[in-house]
Amino acid sequence: MKKKTALTIAGSDSCGGAGIQADIKTMTVNGVYAMSAITALTAQNTTGVSDILEATPEFLAAQLDAVFTDIYPDAVKIGMVSSKTLIETIAEKLRQYGVKNIVLDPVMVATSGAKLISDDAVETLCSALIPLAAVITPNIPEAEVLSGMNIETEADMEKAAAAIYGKYGCSVLCKGGHQISDANDLLFDGQRSKWFYGQRIDNPNTHGTGCTLSSAIASGLAKGLPLETAVKEAKDYISGALSAMLDLGQGCGPMDHAYMLESGDVCE
């Protein structure tokens, strides 16, 4: 039996709510065969990260070679990559193997405004990796960095998304936050803006939502869905995973990535 495939390039989350573990769960229940290249091991749980062991560029390259030369992915999702050298390694391999359907979650700034990666890593992400993506999924602070403008309204989101497309040539899914547009996200593909309206779900356990959304979009693209359809189905999946109201851990817990298995409604 043949099946569509997707590769996640990201860090590991030892408690399974985000990163590689969330990506694999998401891809699996969304009907594609999931593979991984791990950029870093983390010791973390719902209360925070206590330690990180980053992969070497050579080992990351070896992982990517192993995947691309055997089970070539129909889509690739890229999550948090914290160092300049690892970003360069990923970009080099994506170019080498002519990879398409790249979904990049440009993890740079937390919704709190805290910087998550160094300035030189941000510069390399922007120059080497973002131009290779089919779509990127920045939050509001990240969209401000990429566009060079302040975002305070929905109109600002539209201007920023267009500015990002103009700089990097990739589609942009600008994710609304608690202050701006709440659960509503904006997609700009170079031709038009499309709003995806969501209902705010009163669930404090939202760990890994960014990882999960980008992985679900990659799953849709791997199956040959148009970008708008892939985004819509990904948002529906996130809503379902949050609505399941999973409650694990002492901090901001994970979503129920497998809620569709319990209902028997697995995406094919």
Protein backbone atom coordinates (compact mmCIF):
# COMPACT_ATOMS: atom_id res chain seq x y z
CA MET A 1 0.00 0.00 0.00
CA LYS A 2 1.30 3.44 -0.94
CA LYS A 3 0.76 6.39 1.40
CA LYS A 4 1.63 10.07 1.30
CA THR A 5 4.56 11.04 3.49
CA ALA A 6 5.67 14.02 5.55
CA LEU A 7 8.92 14.87 7.32
CA THR A 8 9.21 16.98 10.45
CA ILE A 9 12.48 18.77 11.18
CA ALA A 10 12.28 19.97 14.77
CA GLY A 11 13.31 19.40 18.38
CA SER A 12 12.11 16.64 20.65
CA ASP A 13 9.70 17.30 23.54
CA SER A 14 10.14 14.67 26.24
CA CYS A 15 6.58 15.17 27.50
CA GLY A 16 5.13 14.81 23.99
CA GLY A 17 3.04 17.95 23.74
CA ALA A 18 5.09 19.84 21.17
CA GLY A 19 7.98 19.39 18.77
CA ILE A 20 8.72 16.09 17.06
CA GLN A 21 6.26 14.11 19.17
CA ALA A 22 3.34 16.45 18.48
CA ASP A 23 4.26 16.56 14.79
CA ILE A 24 4.31 12.77 14.40
CA LYS A 25 0.99 12.39 16.22
CA THR A 26 -0.58 15.10 14.09
CA MET A 27 0.70 13.74 10.79
CA THR A 28 -0.36 10.21 11.66
CA VAL A 29 -3.95 11.00 12.57
CA ASN A 30 -4.19 13.32 9.56
CA GLY A 31 -3.52 10.41 7.25
CA VAL A 32 0.14 10.63 6.23
CA TYR A 33 3.22 8.60 7.09
CA ALA A 34 5.41 10.66 9.45
CA MET A 35 9.21 10.82 9.51
CA SER A 36 11.59 12.97 11.54
CA ALA A 37 14.97 14.66 11.66
CA ILE A 38 15.72 15.83 15.19
CA THR A 39 17.48 19.17 15.66
CA ALA A 40 17.73 18.95 19.46
CA LEU A 41 16.78 16.83 22.44
CA THR A 42 15.05 18.68 25.24
CA ALA A 43 14.33 17.78 28.84
CA GLN A 44 10.98 19.48 29.29
CA ASN A 45 7.52 19.09 30.69
CA THR A 46 4.40 21.22 31.00
CA THR A 47 6.16 23.61 33.38
CA GLY A 48 9.18 24.40 31.22
CA VAL A 49 12.48 23.32 29.65
CA SER A 50 15.27 22.21 31.98
CA ASP A 51 17.97 21.16 29.49
CA ILE A 52 18.76 21.05 25.76
CA LEU A 53 21.19 18.87 23.80
CA GLU A 54 21.52 20.19 20.26
CA ALA A 55 22.32 17.92 17.32
CA THR A 56 25.54 18.60 15.43
CA PRO A 57 25.20 19.89 11.86
CA GLU A 58 26.84 16.70 10.63
CA PHE A 59 24.36 14.43 12.41
CA LEU A 60 21.38 16.50 11.28
CA ALA A 61 22.67 16.31 7.70
CA ALA A 62 23.02 12.52 8.04
CA GLN A 63 19.40 12.24 9.22
CA LEU A 64 18.17 14.31 6.29
CA ASP A 65 20.24 12.31 3.79
CA ALA A 66 18.84 9.07 5.22
CA VAL A 67 15.25 10.23 4.74
CA PHE A 68 15.57 11.96 1.37
CA THR A 69 17.46 9.10 -0.28
CA ASP A 70 14.97 6.43 0.78
CA ILE A 71 11.43 7.64 1.58
CA TYR A 72 11.21 11.01 -0.15
CA PRO A 73 8.66 13.19 1.68
CA ASP A 74 5.65 14.75 -0.05
CA ALA A 75 5.84 17.66 2.41
CA VAL A 76 8.22 18.97 5.05
CA LYS A 77 7.42 20.81 8.26
CA ILE A 78 10.20 22.79 9.99
CA GLY A 79 9.86 23.81 13.61
CA MET A 80 12.19 25.54 16.03
CA VAL A 81 15.85 25.51 15.00
CA SER A 82 17.94 27.53 17.40
CA SER A 83 21.37 27.84 15.76
CA LYS A 84 22.71 29.44 12.60
CA THR A 85 24.69 26.34 11.58
CA LEU A 86 21.70 23.99 11.83
CA ILE A 87 19.54 26.39 9.80
CA GLU A 88 22.25 26.50 7.13
CA THR A 89 22.42 22.69 7.11
CA ILE A 90 18.65 22.36 6.64
CA ALA A 91 18.58 24.95 3.84
CA GLU A 92 21.46 23.24 2.05
CA LYS A 93 19.74 19.84 2.13
CA LEU A 94 16.36 21.20 1.05
CA ARG A 95 18.03 22.80 -1.98
CA GLN A 96 20.10 19.69 -2.70
CA TYR A 97 17.05 17.45 -2.84
CA GLY A 98 14.68 19.93 -4.49
CA VAL A 99 12.12 19.72 -1.71
CA LYS A 100 8.64 21.19 -2.24
CA ASN A 101 5.66 21.78 0.06
CA ILE A 102 7.77 23.21 2.89
CA VAL A 103 5.79 24.52 5.87
CA LEU A 104 7.94 26.64 8.16
CA ASP A 105 6.93 27.68 11.66
CA PRO A 106 9.41 30.58 12.10
CA VAL A 107 9.85 30.23 15.84
CA MET A 108 11.69 33.39 16.88
CA VAL A 109 9.60 35.28 19.42
CA ALA A 110 7.16 33.96 22.02
CA THR A 111 3.70 35.49 22.22
CA SER A 112 4.95 37.10 25.45
CA GLY A 113 7.53 38.95 23.36
CA ALA A 114 10.55 36.98 24.66
CA LYS A 115 13.27 36.20 22.10
CA LEU A 116 13.71 32.47 21.55
CA ILE A 117 16.71 32.34 19.18
CA SER A 118 19.81 34.48 18.63
CA ASP A 119 20.00 37.42 16.24
CA ASP A 120 22.38 35.62 13.86
CA ALA A 121 20.02 32.62 13.76
CA VAL A 122 17.11 34.94 12.91
CA GLU A 123 19.17 36.54 10.13
CA THR A 124 20.04 33.13 8.65
CA LEU A 125 16.44 31.90 8.98
CA CYS A 126 15.29 34.93 6.98
CA SER A 127 17.98 34.78 4.31
CA ALA A 128 18.42 31.03 3.81
CA LEU A 129 15.28 29.17 4.90
CA ILE A 130 12.14 31.31 4.62
CA PRO A 131 12.56 31.90 0.85
CA LEU A 132 12.40 28.11 0.35
CA ALA A 133 9.05 27.74 2.12
CA ALA A 134 5.66 27.29 0.49
CA VAL A 135 4.05 28.86 3.56
CA ILE A 136 5.20 30.21 6.90
CA THR A 137 3.10 30.46 10.06
CA PRO A 138 4.29 33.39 12.21
CA ASN A 139 2.55 34.64 15.32
CA ILE A 140 2.03 38.38 15.72
CA PRO A 141 5.46 39.19 17.27
CA GLU A 142 7.19 37.09 14.61
CA ALA A 143 5.21 38.76 11.84
CA GLU A 144 6.31 42.13 13.24
CA VAL A 145 9.97 41.06 13.02
CA LEU A 146 9.58 39.71 9.49
CA SER A 147 7.58 42.67 8.17
CA GLY A 148 9.38 45.40 10.09
CA MET A 149 6.11 46.97 11.20
CA ASN A 150 3.93 47.13 14.29
CA ILE A 151 0.74 45.08 14.17
CA GLU A 152 -2.18 46.37 16.21
CA THR A 153 -5.24 45.68 14.04
CA GLU A 154 -6.57 43.19 11.51
CA ALA A 155 -5.72 45.71 8.77
CA ASP A 156 -2.14 45.73 10.07
CA MET A 157 -2.08 41.94 9.82
CA GLU A 158 -3.07 42.17 6.17
CA LYS A 159 -0.38 44.79 5.44
CA ALA A 160 2.28 42.80 7.30
CA ALA A 161 1.42 39.55 5.50
CA ALA A 162 1.68 41.29 2.14
CA ALA A 163 5.00 42.86 3.16
CA ILE A 164 6.38 39.46 4.21
CA TYR A 165 5.30 37.92 0.93
CA GLY A 166 6.97 40.78 -0.92
CA LYS A 167 10.25 40.20 0.94
CA TYR A 168 10.43 36.41 0.82
CA GLY A 169 8.05 35.21 -1.90
CA CYS A 170 6.25 32.65 0.26
CA SER A 171 2.64 32.47 1.40
CA VAL A 172 2.02 33.70 4.94
CA LEU A 173 -0.45 32.43 7.54
CA CYS A 174 -0.41 35.18 10.15
CA LYS A 175 -1.79 33.74 13.38
CA GLY A 176 -4.05 35.97 15.42
CA GLY A 177 -3.40 36.26 19.14
CA HIS A 178 -5.34 37.07 22.28
CA GLN A 179 -5.08 40.81 21.62
CA ILE A 180 -5.48 40.88 17.83
CA SER A 181 -8.12 38.89 15.96
CA ASP A 182 -8.15 36.27 18.73
CA ALA A 183 -8.61 32.82 17.11
CA ASN A 184 -8.74 34.21 13.57
CA ASP A 185 -5.82 33.68 11.18
CA LEU A 186 -4.98 35.44 7.91
CA LEU A 187 -3.57 33.69 4.84
CA PHE A 188 -1.94 35.73 2.08
CA ASP A 189 -0.72 33.81 -0.98
CA GLY A 190 0.46 36.68 -3.13
CA GLN A 191 -2.89 37.03 -4.87
CA ARG A 192 -5.42 37.57 -2.12
CA SER A 193 -6.03 37.61 1.61
CA LYS A 194 -8.22 34.90 3.14
CA TRP A 195 -9.43 35.02 6.74
CA PHE A 196 -10.00 31.80 8.66
CA TYR A 197 -12.33 32.47 11.54
CA GLY A 198 -12.15 30.34 14.65
CA GLN A 199 -14.00 30.20 17.94
CA ARG A 200 -12.04 30.95 21.10
CA ILE A 201 -11.95 27.72 23.12
CA ASP A 202 -11.67 28.17 26.88
CA ASN A 203 -8.88 25.67 27.44
CA PRO A 204 -5.67 26.68 29.28
CA ASN A 205 -3.84 23.62 27.93
CA THR A 206 -2.45 24.92 24.64
CA HIS A 207 1.12 23.59 24.68
CA GLY A 208 2.24 22.79 21.16
CA THR A 209 -0.49 24.54 19.17
CA GLY A 210 2.00 26.13 16.75
CA CYS A 211 3.79 22.84 16.10
CA THR A 212 0.50 21.06 15.62
CA LEU A 213 -0.98 23.62 13.24
CA SER A 214 2.04 23.65 10.93
CA SER A 215 2.22 19.83 10.93
CA ALA A 216 -1.45 19.56 10.06
CA ILE A 217 -0.97 21.99 7.17
CA ALA A 218 2.01 19.96 5.94
CA SER A 219 -0.15 16.83 6.10
CA GLY A 220 -2.75 18.47 3.90
CA LEU A 221 -0.18 19.62 1.36
CA ALA A 222 1.37 16.13 1.33
CA LYS A 223 -2.06 14.74 0.37
CA GLY A 224 -2.28 17.21 -2.51
CA LEU A 225 -4.78 19.62 -0.97
CA PRO A 226 -4.75 23.26 -2.08
CA LEU A 227 -3.17 25.53 0.53
CA GLU A 228 -6.46 27.13 1.59
CA THR A 229 -8.06 23.73 2.13
CA ALA A 230 -5.02 22.46 4.03
CA VAL A 231 -5.18 25.50 6.34
CA LYS A 232 -8.91 25.12 6.93
CA GLU A 233 -8.60 21.43 7.77
CA ALA A 234 -5.62 22.16 10.04
CA LYS A 235 -7.58 24.78 11.96
CA ASP A 236 -10.53 22.40 12.31
CA TYR A 237 -8.16 19.76 13.67
CA ILE A 238 -6.67 22.18 16.22
CA SER A 239 -10.16 23.16 17.36
CA GLY A 240 -11.08 19.53 17.87
CA ALA A 241 -7.87 18.76 19.75
CA LEU A 242 -8.45 21.73 22.08
CA SER A 243 -12.16 21.00 22.51
CA ALA A 244 -11.33 17.49 23.78
CA MET A 245 -10.19 19.29 26.99
CA LEU A 246 -7.28 16.98 27.81
CA ASP A 247 -5.86 17.90 31.22
CA LEU A 248 -2.36 16.56 31.93
CA GLY A 249 0.58 17.95 33.86
CA GLN A 250 1.07 20.73 36.37
CA GLY A 251 1.58 23.55 33.86
CA CYS A 252 0.29 24.46 30.40
CA GLY A 253 -0.61 20.97 29.23
CA PRO A 254 -0.87 19.38 25.79
CA MET A 255 -3.86 19.01 23.51
CA ASP A 256 -5.45 15.67 22.70
CA HIS A 257 -3.79 14.99 19.34
CA ALA A 258 -5.55 11.63 19.06
CA TYR A 259 -9.10 12.83 19.69
CA MET A 260 -10.14 11.64 16.22
CA LEU A 261 -9.08 8.09 17.05
CA GLU A 262 -11.47 8.05 19.96
CA SER A 263 -14.30 9.20 17.71
CA GLY A 264 -13.21 6.97 14.83
CA ASP A 265 -12.95 10.01 12.55
CA VAL A 266 -9.38 9.67 11.24
CA CYS A 267 -8.57 11.82 8.18
CA GLU A 268 -7.55 9.97 5.02
